[in-house]
Amino acid sequence: LSRNLQIATAALDATGVCLFVSFAMLDDPTALEGICEMLGGLYGREFTADDYLAIGKETLANERKFNIAAGFTAAADRLPDFFKTEKLAPHEVTFDVPDEELDQVYDFVQ
């Protein structure tokens, strides 16, 4: 879920579409079709949902490559330790996603 939201949000950012639109995209598949039609009209070519999400993936891949070139490591993808120990009310839960799963978030980046 998180990865898909990041991809969709990156696509929205890269194409200048308001983040508010993302809520419509989550609730109504025709919203993404509308965005693709809008971009097609703007650029004079067909955009599919896959094309649009590819823009998001490419944006995230470029950001990731930049961060790696700047010296960031997987350690920068970690939350502070207190997220794993301090319980969050009202459900009294902690962040329990293993580091191995966090390392897979960007596995689509080549």
PDB file of N, CA and C in Angstrom:
ATOM      1  N   LEU A   1       0.827  -1.191   0.000  1.00  0.00           N
ATOM      2  CA  LEU A   1       0.000   0.000   0.000  1.00  0.00           C
ATOM      3  C   LEU A   1       0.869   1.251   0.000  1.00  0.00           C
ATOM      4  N   SER A   2       1.851   1.293   0.887  1.00  0.00           N
ATOM      5  CA  SER A   2       2.716   2.463   0.975  1.00  0.00           C
ATOM      6  C   SER A   2       3.448   2.709  -0.338  1.00  0.00           C
ATOM      7  N   ARG A   3       3.989   1.641  -0.927  1.00  0.00           N
ATOM      8  CA  ARG A   3       4.731   1.805  -2.177  1.00  0.00           C
ATOM      9  C   ARG A   3       3.823   2.348  -3.273  1.00  0.00           C
ATOM     10  N   ASN A   4       2.617   1.801  -3.390  1.00  0.00           N
ATOM     11  CA  ASN A   4       1.688   2.268  -4.421  1.00  0.00           C
ATOM     12  C   ASN A   4       1.310   3.723  -4.208  1.00  0.00           C
ATOM     13  N   LEU A   5       1.125   4.125  -2.956  1.00  0.00           N
ATOM     14  CA  LEU A   5       0.824   5.532  -2.671  1.00  0.00           C
ATOM     15  C   LEU A   5       2.004   6.426  -3.024  1.00  0.00           C
ATOM     16  N   GLN A   6       3.214   5.960  -2.734  1.00  0.00           N
ATOM     17  CA  GLN A   6       4.395   6.749  -3.080  1.00  0.00           C
ATOM     18  C   GLN A   6       4.527   6.907  -4.588  1.00  0.00           C
ATOM     19  N   ILE A   7       4.271   5.834  -5.318  1.00  0.00           N
ATOM     20  CA  ILE A   7       4.353   5.892  -6.782  1.00  0.00           C
ATOM     21  C   ILE A   7       3.310   6.862  -7.330  1.00  0.00           C
ATOM     22  N   ALA A   8       2.073   6.737  -6.867  1.00  0.00           N
ATOM     23  CA  ALA A   8       1.003   7.618  -7.348  1.00  0.00           C
ATOM     24  C   ALA A   8       1.279   9.069  -6.984  1.00  0.00           C
ATOM     25  N   THR A   9       1.760   9.307  -5.773  1.00  0.00           N
ATOM     26  CA  THR A   9       2.051  10.677  -5.342  1.00  0.00           C
ATOM     27  C   THR A   9       3.202  11.264  -6.147  1.00  0.00           C
ATOM     28  N   ALA A  10       4.221  10.462  -6.429  1.00  0.00           N
ATOM     29  CA  ALA A  10       5.334  10.943  -7.249  1.00  0.00           C
ATOM     30  C   ALA A  10       4.856  11.295  -8.656  1.00  0.00           C
ATOM     31  N   ALA A  11       3.935  10.499  -9.202  1.00  0.00           N
ATOM     32  CA  ALA A  11       3.383  10.800 -10.531  1.00  0.00           C
ATOM     33  C   ALA A  11       2.602  12.103 -10.493  1.00  0.00           C
ATOM     34  N   LEU A  12       1.807  12.295  -9.453  1.00  0.00           N
ATOM     35  CA  LEU A  12       1.060  13.553  -9.314  1.00  0.00           C
ATOM     36  C   LEU A  12       2.018  14.732  -9.235  1.00  0.00           C
ATOM     37  N   ASP A  13       3.041  14.612  -8.393  1.00  0.00           N
ATOM     38  CA  ASP A  13       4.018  15.693  -8.241  1.00  0.00           C
ATOM     39  C   ASP A  13       4.712  16.007  -9.562  1.00  0.00           C
ATOM     40  N   ALA A  14       5.141  14.955 -10.259  1.00  0.00           N
ATOM     41  CA  ALA A  14       5.906  15.141 -11.491  1.00  0.00           C
ATOM     42  C   ALA A  14       5.080  15.764 -12.605  1.00  0.00           C
ATOM     43  N   THR A  15       3.768  15.574 -12.566  1.00  0.00           N
ATOM     44  CA  THR A  15       2.920  16.114 -13.632  1.00  0.00           C
ATOM     45  C   THR A  15       2.186  17.380 -13.209  1.00  0.00           C
ATOM     46  N   GLY A  16       2.465  17.852 -11.998  1.00  0.00           N
ATOM     47  CA  GLY A  16       1.873  19.108 -11.554  1.00  0.00           C
ATOM     48  C   GLY A  16       0.416  19.012 -11.149  1.00  0.00           C
ATOM     49  N   VAL A  17      -0.062  17.800 -10.888  1.00  0.00           N
ATOM     50  CA  VAL A  17      -1.454  17.618 -10.483  1.00  0.00           C
ATOM     51  C   VAL A  17      -1.537  17.761  -8.967  1.00  0.00           C
ATOM     52  N   CYS A  18      -2.536  18.458  -8.499  1.00  0.00           N
ATOM     53  CA  CYS A  18      -2.725  18.714  -7.072  1.00  0.00           C
ATOM     54  C   CYS A  18      -2.837  17.408  -6.291  1.00  0.00           C
ATOM     55  N   LEU A  19      -2.184  17.344  -5.144  1.00  0.00           N
ATOM     56  CA  LEU A  19      -2.238  16.158  -4.297  1.00  0.00           C
ATOM     57  C   LEU A  19      -3.663  15.825  -3.877  1.00  0.00           C
ATOM     58  N   PHE A  20      -4.522  16.818  -3.793  1.00  0.00           N
ATOM     59  CA  PHE A  20      -5.917  16.595  -3.412  1.00  0.00           C
ATOM     60  C   PHE A  20      -6.586  15.595  -4.349  1.00  0.00           C
ATOM     61  N   VAL A  21      -6.135  15.561  -5.595  1.00  0.00           N
ATOM     62  CA  VAL A  21      -6.695  14.653  -6.594  1.00  0.00           C
ATOM     63  C   VAL A  21      -6.424  13.194  -6.222  1.00  0.00           C
ATOM     64  N   SER A  22      -5.364  12.954  -5.461  1.00  0.00           N
ATOM     65  CA  SER A  22      -5.017  11.570  -5.117  1.00  0.00           C
ATOM     66  C   SER A  22      -6.141  10.869  -4.375  1.00  0.00           C
ATOM     67  N   PHE A  23      -6.893  11.601  -3.570  1.00  0.00           N
ATOM     68  CA  PHE A  23      -7.997  10.980  -2.848  1.00  0.00           C
ATOM     69  C   PHE A  23      -9.070  10.482  -3.820  1.00  0.00           C
ATOM     70  N   ALA A  24      -9.316  11.239  -4.863  1.00  0.00           N
ATOM     71  CA  ALA A  24     -10.271  10.798  -5.882  1.00  0.00           C
ATOM     72  C   ALA A  24      -9.732   9.574  -6.618  1.00  0.00           C
ATOM     73  N   MET A  25      -8.426   9.561  -6.886  1.00  0.00           N
ATOM     74  CA  MET A  25      -7.827   8.421  -7.586  1.00  0.00           C
ATOM     75  C   MET A  25      -7.972   7.139  -6.777  1.00  0.00           C
ATOM     76  N   LEU A  26      -7.873   7.250  -5.462  1.00  0.00           N
ATOM     77  CA  LEU A  26      -7.991   6.064  -4.613  1.00  0.00           C
ATOM     78  C   LEU A  26      -9.413   5.524  -4.594  1.00  0.00           C
ATOM     79  N   ASP A  27     -10.383   6.417  -4.695  1.00  0.00           N
ATOM     80  CA  ASP A  27     -11.786   6.024  -4.567  1.00  0.00           C
ATOM     81  C   ASP A  27     -12.477   5.706  -5.885  1.00  0.00           C
ATOM     82  N   ASP A  28     -11.949   6.219  -6.986  1.00  0.00           N
ATOM     83  CA  ASP A  28     -12.660   6.098  -8.258  1.00  0.00           C
ATOM     84  C   ASP A  28     -11.666   5.873  -9.395  1.00  0.00           C
ATOM     85  N   PRO A  29     -11.642   4.687  -9.988  1.00  0.00           N
ATOM     86  CA  PRO A  29     -10.692   4.400 -11.060  1.00  0.00           C
ATOM     87  C   PRO A  29     -10.833   5.329 -12.265  1.00  0.00           C
ATOM     88  N   THR A  30     -12.010   5.909 -12.463  1.00  0.00           N
ATOM     89  CA  THR A  30     -12.172   6.809 -13.607  1.00  0.00           C
ATOM     90  C   THR A  30     -11.417   8.118 -13.407  1.00  0.00           C
ATOM     91  N   ALA A  31     -11.051   8.427 -12.168  1.00  0.00           N
ATOM     92  CA  ALA A  31     -10.279   9.651 -11.919  1.00  0.00           C
ATOM     93  C   ALA A  31      -8.918   9.566 -12.597  1.00  0.00           C
ATOM     94  N   LEU A  32      -8.268   8.410 -12.513  1.00  0.00           N
ATOM     95  CA  LEU A  32      -6.976   8.238 -13.177  1.00  0.00           C
ATOM     96  C   LEU A  32      -7.142   8.312 -14.690  1.00  0.00           C
ATOM     97  N   GLU A  33      -8.234   7.760 -15.191  1.00  0.00           N
ATOM     98  CA  GLU A  33      -8.511   7.863 -16.627  1.00  0.00           C
ATOM     99  C   GLU A  33      -8.620   9.328 -17.035  1.00  0.00           C
ATOM    100  N   GLY A  34      -9.283  10.130 -16.211  1.00  0.00           N
ATOM    101  CA  GLY A  34      -9.424  11.556 -16.497  1.00  0.00           C
ATOM    102  C   GLY A  34      -8.092  12.277 -16.516  1.00  0.00           C
ATOM    103  N   ILE A  35      -7.218  11.934 -15.577  1.00  0.00           N
ATOM    104  CA  ILE A  35      -5.883  12.543 -15.552  1.00  0.00           C
ATOM    105  C   ILE A  35      -5.120  12.166 -16.816  1.00  0.00           C
ATOM    106  N   CYS A  36      -5.218  10.907 -17.218  1.00  0.00           N
ATOM    107  CA  CYS A  36      -4.530  10.460 -18.434  1.00  0.00           C
ATOM    108  C   CYS A  36      -5.069  11.177 -19.673  1.00  0.00           C
ATOM    109  N   GLU A  37      -6.377  11.375 -19.739  1.00  0.00           N
ATOM    110  CA  GLU A  37      -6.965  12.118 -20.860  1.00  0.00           C
ATOM    111  C   GLU A  37      -6.477  13.563 -20.857  1.00  0.00           C
ATOM    112  N   MET A  38      -6.405  14.167 -19.676  1.00  0.00           N
ATOM    113  CA  MET A  38      -5.933  15.547 -19.562  1.00  0.00           C
ATOM    114  C   MET A  38      -4.496  15.663 -20.065  1.00  0.00           C
ATOM    115  N   LEU A  39      -3.629  14.750 -19.628  1.00  0.00           N
ATOM    116  CA  LEU A  39      -2.236  14.779 -20.070  1.00  0.00           C
ATOM    117  C   LEU A  39      -2.129  14.504 -21.563  1.00  0.00           C
ATOM    118  N   GLY A  40      -2.966  13.596 -22.064  1.00  0.00           N
ATOM    119  CA  GLY A  40      -2.972  13.322 -23.498  1.00  0.00           C
ATOM    120  C   GLY A  40      -3.319  14.560 -24.305  1.00  0.00           C
ATOM    121  N   GLY A  41      -4.309  15.315 -23.828  1.00  0.00           N
ATOM    122  CA  GLY A  41      -4.679  16.552 -24.505  1.00  0.00           C
ATOM    123  C   GLY A  41      -3.575  17.589 -24.443  1.00  0.00           C
ATOM    124  N   LEU A  42      -2.885  17.643 -23.319  1.00  0.00           N
ATOM    125  CA  LEU A  42      -1.809  18.618 -23.144  1.00  0.00           C
ATOM    126  C   LEU A  42      -0.600  18.300 -24.017  1.00  0.00           C
ATOM    127  N   TYR A  43      -0.240  17.018 -24.075  1.00  0.00           N
ATOM    128  CA  TYR A  43       0.984  16.628 -24.776  1.00  0.00           C
ATOM    129  C   TYR A  43       0.748  16.048 -26.166  1.00  0.00           C
ATOM    130  N   GLY A  44      -0.508  15.881 -26.559  1.00  0.00           N
ATOM    131  CA  GLY A  44      -0.795  15.411 -27.903  1.00  0.00           C
ATOM    132  C   GLY A  44      -0.457  13.950 -28.148  1.00  0.00           C
ATOM    133  N   ARG A  45      -0.507  13.154 -27.115  1.00  0.00           N
ATOM    134  CA  ARG A  45      -0.293  11.716 -27.272  1.00  0.00           C
ATOM    135  C   ARG A  45      -1.109  10.983 -26.217  1.00  0.00           C
ATOM    136  N   GLU A  46      -1.320   9.706 -26.444  1.00  0.00           N
ATOM    137  CA  GLU A  46      -2.120   8.914 -25.505  1.00  0.00           C
ATOM    138  C   GLU A  46      -1.322   8.601 -24.241  1.00  0.00           C
ATOM    139  N   PHE A  47      -1.959   8.726 -23.102  1.00  0.00           N
ATOM    140  CA  PHE A  47      -1.397   8.316 -21.814  1.00  0.00           C
ATOM    141  C   PHE A  47      -2.304   7.250 -21.223  1.00  0.00           C
ATOM    142  N   THR A  48      -1.730   6.116 -20.845  1.00  0.00           N
ATOM    143  CA  THR A  48      -2.490   5.082 -20.154  1.00  0.00           C
ATOM    144  C   THR A  48      -2.189   5.167 -18.658  1.00  0.00           C
ATOM    145  N   ALA A  49      -2.953   4.440 -17.871  1.00  0.00           N
ATOM    146  CA  ALA A  49      -2.688   4.389 -16.432  1.00  0.00           C
ATOM    147  C   ALA A  49      -1.286   3.841 -16.180  1.00  0.00           C
ATOM    148  N   ASP A  50      -0.885   2.851 -16.960  1.00  0.00           N
ATOM    149  CA  ASP A  50       0.466   2.299 -16.802  1.00  0.00           C
ATOM    150  C   ASP A  50       1.529   3.338 -17.123  1.00  0.00           C
ATOM    151  N   ASP A  51       1.292   4.157 -18.165  1.00  0.00           N
ATOM    152  CA  ASP A  51       2.224   5.240 -18.497  1.00  0.00           C
ATOM    153  C   ASP A  51       2.355   6.202 -17.324  1.00  0.00           C
ATOM    154  N   TYR A  52       1.211   6.534 -16.745  1.00  0.00           N
ATOM    155  CA  TYR A  52       1.196   7.508 -15.661  1.00  0.00           C
ATOM    156  C   TYR A  52       1.944   6.978 -14.441  1.00  0.00           C
ATOM    157  N   LEU A  53       1.689   5.739 -14.086  1.00  0.00           N
ATOM    158  CA  LEU A  53       2.374   5.160 -12.935  1.00  0.00           C
ATOM    159  C   LEU A  53       3.857   4.950 -13.222  1.00  0.00           C
ATOM    160  N   ALA A  54       4.214   4.738 -14.483  1.00  0.00           N
ATOM    161  CA  ALA A  54       5.628   4.633 -14.852  1.00  0.00           C
ATOM    162  C   ALA A  54       6.351   5.951 -14.589  1.00  0.00           C
ATOM    163  N   ILE A  55       5.651   7.072 -14.772  1.00  0.00           N
ATOM    164  CA  ILE A  55       6.233   8.381 -14.449  1.00  0.00           C
ATOM    165  C   ILE A  55       6.557   8.439 -12.957  1.00  0.00           C
ATOM    166  N   GLY A  56       5.645   7.949 -12.128  1.00  0.00           N
ATOM    167  CA  GLY A  56       5.886   7.931 -10.689  1.00  0.00           C
ATOM    168  C   GLY A  56       7.065   7.054 -10.324  1.00  0.00           C
ATOM    169  N   LYS A  57       7.138   5.869 -10.927  1.00  0.00           N
ATOM    170  CA  LYS A  57       8.253   4.959 -10.645  1.00  0.00           C
ATOM    171  C   LYS A  57       9.580   5.567 -11.085  1.00  0.00           C
ATOM    172  N   GLU A  58       9.576   6.183 -12.263  1.00  0.00           N
ATOM    173  CA  GLU A  58      10.804   6.802 -12.767  1.00  0.00           C
ATOM    174  C   GLU A  58      11.237   7.951 -11.863  1.00  0.00           C
ATOM    175  N   THR A  59      10.279   8.727 -11.383  1.00  0.00           N
ATOM    176  CA  THR A  59      10.592   9.830 -10.474  1.00  0.00           C
ATOM    177  C   THR A  59      11.221   9.305  -9.192  1.00  0.00           C
ATOM    178  N   LEU A  60      10.618   8.276  -8.602  1.00  0.00           N
ATOM    179  CA  LEU A  60      11.175   7.694  -7.378  1.00  0.00           C
ATOM    180  C   LEU A  60      12.549   7.082  -7.632  1.00  0.00           C
ATOM    181  N   ALA A  61      12.720   6.443  -8.786  1.00  0.00           N
ATOM    182  CA  ALA A  61      14.020   5.852  -9.119  1.00  0.00           C
ATOM    183  C   ALA A  61      15.086   6.936  -9.228  1.00  0.00           C
ATOM    184  N   ASN A  62      14.749   8.054  -9.869  1.00  0.00           N
ATOM    185  CA  ASN A  62      15.707   9.154  -9.991  1.00  0.00           C
ATOM    186  C   ASN A  62      16.041   9.759  -8.634  1.00  0.00           C
ATOM    187  N   GLU A  63      15.029   9.905  -7.780  1.00  0.00           N
ATOM    188  CA  GLU A  63      15.282  10.423  -6.436  1.00  0.00           C
ATOM    189  C   GLU A  63      16.190   9.476  -5.661  1.00  0.00           C
ATOM    190  N   ARG A  64      15.931   8.188  -5.792  1.00  0.00           N
ATOM    191  CA  ARG A  64      16.728   7.177  -5.089  1.00  0.00           C
ATOM    192  C   ARG A  64      18.173   7.196  -5.583  1.00  0.00           C
ATOM    193  N   LYS A  65      18.354   7.254  -6.901  1.00  0.00           N
ATOM    194  CA  LYS A  65      19.710   7.299  -7.464  1.00  0.00           C
ATOM    195  C   LYS A  65      20.455   8.542  -6.989  1.00  0.00           C
ATOM    196  N   PHE A  66      19.759   9.670  -6.926  1.00  0.00           N
ATOM    197  CA  PHE A  66      20.374  10.898  -6.430  1.00  0.00           C
ATOM    198  C   PHE A  66      20.829  10.713  -4.987  1.00  0.00           C
ATOM    199  N   ASN A  67      19.948  10.159  -4.150  1.00  0.00           N
ATOM    200  CA  ASN A  67      20.281   9.969  -2.738  1.00  0.00           C
ATOM    201  C   ASN A  67      21.478   9.041  -2.561  1.00  0.00           C
ATOM    202  N   ILE A  68      21.530   7.971  -3.340  1.00  0.00           N
ATOM    203  CA  ILE A  68      22.664   7.044  -3.258  1.00  0.00           C
ATOM    204  C   ILE A  68      23.945   7.756  -3.677  1.00  0.00           C
ATOM    205  N   ALA A  69      23.881   8.527  -4.769  1.00  0.00           N
ATOM    206  CA  ALA A  69      25.054   9.274  -5.225  1.00  0.00           C
ATOM    207  C   ALA A  69      25.492  10.314  -4.196  1.00  0.00           C
ATOM    208  N   ALA A  70      24.535  10.805  -3.407  1.00  0.00           N
ATOM    209  CA  ALA A  70      24.849  11.794  -2.373  1.00  0.00           C
ATOM    210  C   ALA A  70      25.369  11.139  -1.094  1.00  0.00           C
ATOM    211  N   GLY A  71      25.435   9.807  -1.082  1.00  0.00           N
ATOM    212  CA  GLY A  71      26.009   9.108   0.055  1.00  0.00           C
ATOM    213  C   GLY A  71      25.025   8.543   1.058  1.00  0.00           C
ATOM    214  N   PHE A  72      23.736   8.651   0.778  1.00  0.00           N
ATOM    215  CA  PHE A  72      22.753   8.076   1.693  1.00  0.00           C
ATOM    216  C   PHE A  72      22.759   6.552   1.565  1.00  0.00           C
ATOM    217  N   THR A  73      22.563   5.870   2.679  1.00  0.00           N
ATOM    218  CA  THR A  73      22.515   4.409   2.705  1.00  0.00           C
ATOM    219  C   THR A  73      21.149   3.969   3.222  1.00  0.00           C
ATOM    220  N   ALA A  74      20.967   2.658   3.348  1.00  0.00           N
ATOM    221  CA  ALA A  74      19.705   2.124   3.871  1.00  0.00           C
ATOM    222  C   ALA A  74      19.423   2.643   5.275  1.00  0.00           C
ATOM    223  N   ALA A  75      20.450   3.032   5.995  1.00  0.00           N
ATOM    224  CA  ALA A  75      20.255   3.572   7.348  1.00  0.00           C
ATOM    225  C   ALA A  75      19.378   4.826   7.320  1.00  0.00           C
ATOM    226  N   ALA A  76      19.411   5.559   6.226  1.00  0.00           N
ATOM    227  CA  ALA A  76      18.592   6.776   6.111  1.00  0.00           C
ATOM    228  C   ALA A  76      17.117   6.446   5.894  1.00  0.00           C
ATOM    229  N   ASP A  77      16.820   5.196   5.563  1.00  0.00           N
ATOM    230  CA  ASP A  77      15.435   4.767   5.361  1.00  0.00           C
ATOM    231  C   ASP A  77      14.782   4.281   6.653  1.00  0.00           C
ATOM    232  N   ARG A  78      15.504   4.355   7.731  1.00  0.00           N
ATOM    233  CA  ARG A  78      15.008   3.862   9.016  1.00  0.00           C
ATOM    234  C   ARG A  78      14.416   4.997   9.842  1.00  0.00           C
ATOM    235  N   LEU A  79      13.364   4.655  10.572  1.00  0.00           N
ATOM    236  CA  LEU A  79      12.785   5.601  11.521  1.00  0.00           C
ATOM    237  C   LEU A  79      13.624   5.584  12.794  1.00  0.00           C
ATOM    238  N   PRO A  80      13.564   6.647  13.581  1.00  0.00           N
ATOM    239  CA  PRO A  80      14.282   6.638  14.864  1.00  0.00           C
ATOM    240  C   PRO A  80      13.821   5.464  15.734  1.00  0.00           C
ATOM    241  N   ASP A  81      14.710   4.984  16.579  1.00  0.00           N
ATOM    242  CA  ASP A  81      14.426   3.801  17.403  1.00  0.00           C
ATOM    243  C   ASP A  81      13.183   3.936  18.263  1.00  0.00           C
ATOM    244  N   PHE A  82      12.863   5.164  18.703  1.00  0.00           N
ATOM    245  CA  PHE A  82      11.717   5.297  19.603  1.00  0.00           C
ATOM    246  C   PHE A  82      10.405   4.875  18.938  1.00  0.00           C
ATOM    247  N   PHE A  83      10.348   4.861  17.617  1.00  0.00           N
ATOM    248  CA  PHE A  83       9.141   4.386  16.929  1.00  0.00           C
ATOM    249  C   PHE A  83       8.886   2.908  17.230  1.00  0.00           C
ATOM    250  N   LYS A  84       9.949   2.171  17.525  1.00  0.00           N
ATOM    251  CA  LYS A  84       9.828   0.739  17.807  1.00  0.00           C
ATOM    252  C   LYS A  84       9.560   0.456  19.282  1.00  0.00           C
ATOM    253  N   THR A  85       9.724   1.462  20.127  1.00  0.00           N
ATOM    254  CA  THR A  85       9.581   1.213  21.566  1.00  0.00           C
ATOM    255  C   THR A  85       8.441   1.986  22.216  1.00  0.00           C
ATOM    256  N   GLU A  86       8.163   3.188  21.742  1.00  0.00           N
ATOM    257  CA  GLU A  86       7.104   3.997  22.354  1.00  0.00           C
ATOM    258  C   GLU A  86       5.763   3.671  21.706  1.00  0.00           C
ATOM    259  N   LYS A  87       4.810   3.261  22.518  1.00  0.00           N
ATOM    260  CA  LYS A  87       3.491   2.893  22.010  1.00  0.00           C
ATOM    261  C   LYS A  87       2.677   4.135  21.669  1.00  0.00           C
ATOM    262  N   LEU A  88       1.933   4.035  20.592  1.00  0.00           N
ATOM    263  CA  LEU A  88       1.115   5.137  20.107  1.00  0.00           C
ATOM    264  C   LEU A  88      -0.336   4.919  20.520  1.00  0.00           C
ATOM    265  N   ALA A  89      -0.848   5.865  21.270  1.00  0.00           N
ATOM    266  CA  ALA A  89      -2.251   5.792  21.717  1.00  0.00           C
ATOM    267  C   ALA A  89      -3.167   6.080  20.529  1.00  0.00           C
ATOM    268  N   PRO A  90      -4.357   5.645  20.501  1.00  0.00           N
ATOM    269  CA  PRO A  90      -5.045   4.906  21.555  1.00  0.00           C
ATOM    270  C   PRO A  90      -4.877   3.390  21.434  1.00  0.00           C
ATOM    271  N   HIS A  91      -4.231   2.923  20.384  1.00  0.00           N
ATOM    272  CA  HIS A  91      -4.152   1.475  20.150  1.00  0.00           C
ATOM    273  C   HIS A  91      -2.938   0.830  20.808  1.00  0.00           C
ATOM    274  N   GLU A  92      -2.040   1.665  21.317  1.00  0.00           N
ATOM    275  CA  GLU A  92      -0.854   1.164  22.024  1.00  0.00           C
ATOM    276  C   GLU A  92      -0.024   0.217  21.159  1.00  0.00           C
ATOM    277  N   VAL A  93       0.263   0.665  19.947  1.00  0.00           N
ATOM    278  CA  VAL A  93       1.069  -0.132  19.026  1.00  0.00           C
ATOM    279  C   VAL A  93       2.383   0.586  18.743  1.00  0.00           C
ATOM    280  N   THR A  94       3.351  -0.178  18.288  1.00  0.00           N
ATOM    281  CA  THR A  94       4.634   0.381  17.882  1.00  0.00           C
ATOM    282  C   THR A  94       4.865   0.046  16.410  1.00  0.00           C
ATOM    283  N   PHE A  95       5.842   0.696  15.813  1.00  0.00           N
ATOM    284  CA  PHE A  95       6.234   0.407  14.429  1.00  0.00           C
ATOM    285  C   PHE A  95       6.968  -0.928  14.434  1.00  0.00           C
ATOM    286  N   ASP A  96       6.431  -1.899  13.717  1.00  0.00           N
ATOM    287  CA  ASP A  96       7.025  -3.234  13.775  1.00  0.00           C
ATOM    288  C   ASP A  96       7.364  -3.816  12.402  1.00  0.00           C
ATOM    289  N   VAL A  97       7.624  -2.948  11.442  1.00  0.00           N
ATOM    290  CA  VAL A  97       8.010  -3.425  10.115  1.00  0.00           C
ATOM    291  C   VAL A  97       9.502  -3.766  10.152  1.00  0.00           C
ATOM    292  N   PRO A  98       9.850  -5.017   9.863  1.00  0.00           N
ATOM    293  CA  PRO A  98      11.264  -5.416   9.912  1.00  0.00           C
ATOM    294  C   PRO A  98      12.106  -4.670   8.872  1.00  0.00           C
ATOM    295  N   ASP A  99      13.377  -4.463   9.196  1.00  0.00           N
ATOM    296  CA  ASP A  99      14.289  -3.777   8.275  1.00  0.00           C
ATOM    297  C   ASP A  99      14.340  -4.468   6.915  1.00  0.00           C
ATOM    298  N   GLU A 100      14.208  -5.785   6.900  1.00  0.00           N
ATOM    299  CA  GLU A 100      14.247  -6.530   5.633  1.00  0.00           C
ATOM    300  C   GLU A 100      13.102  -6.100   4.715  1.00  0.00           C
ATOM    301  N   GLU A 101      11.936  -5.838   5.300  1.00  0.00           N
ATOM    302  CA  GLU A 101      10.801  -5.372   4.492  1.00  0.00           C
ATOM    303  C   GLU A 101      11.033  -3.945   4.010  1.00  0.00           C
ATOM    304  N   LEU A 102      11.597  -3.104   4.860  1.00  0.00           N
ATOM    305  CA  LEU A 102      11.892  -1.731   4.441  1.00  0.00           C
ATOM    306  C   LEU A 102      12.865  -1.729   3.267  1.00  0.00           C
ATOM    307  N   ASP A 103      13.806  -2.662   3.285  1.00  0.00           N
ATOM    308  CA  ASP A 103      14.783  -2.736   2.194  1.00  0.00           C
ATOM    309  C   ASP A 103      14.140  -3.110   0.865  1.00  0.00           C
ATOM    310  N   GLN A 104      12.936  -3.676   0.885  1.00  0.00           N
ATOM    311  CA  GLN A 104      12.251  -4.084  -0.344  1.00  0.00           C
ATOM    312  C   GLN A 104      11.349  -2.994  -0.921  1.00  0.00           C
ATOM    313  N   VAL A 105      11.190  -1.900  -0.205  1.00  0.00           N
ATOM    314  CA  VAL A 105      10.286  -0.838  -0.666  1.00  0.00           C
ATOM    315  C   VAL A 105      10.697  -0.336  -2.045  1.00  0.00           C
ATOM    316  N   TYR A 106      11.991  -0.206  -2.267  1.00  0.00           N
ATOM    317  CA  TYR A 106      12.473   0.340  -3.537  1.00  0.00           C
ATOM    318  C   TYR A 106      13.001  -0.749  -4.469  1.00  0.00           C
ATOM    319  N   ASP A 107      12.527  -1.984  -4.304  1.00  0.00           N
ATOM    320  CA  ASP A 107      13.071  -3.063  -5.127  1.00  0.00           C
ATOM    321  C   ASP A 107      12.721  -2.936  -6.609  1.00  0.00           C
ATOM    322  N   PHE A 108      11.815  -2.028  -6.948  1.00  0.00           N
ATOM    323  CA  PHE A 108      11.495  -1.812  -8.363  1.00  0.00           C
ATOM    324  C   PHE A 108      12.486  -0.861  -9.023  1.00  0.00           C
ATOM    325  N   VAL A 109      13.345  -0.230  -8.237  1.00  0.00           N
ATOM    326  CA  VAL A 109      14.326   0.723  -8.765  1.00  0.00           C
ATOM    327  C   VAL A 109      15.505  -0.050  -9.336  1.00  0.00           C
ATOM    328  N   GLN A 110      15.816   0.233 -10.578  1.00  0.00           N
ATOM    329  CA  GLN A 110      16.945  -0.445 -11.234  1.00  0.00           C
ATOM    330  C   GLN A 110      18.200   0.361 -11.092  1.00  0.00           C
TER     331      GLN A 110
END
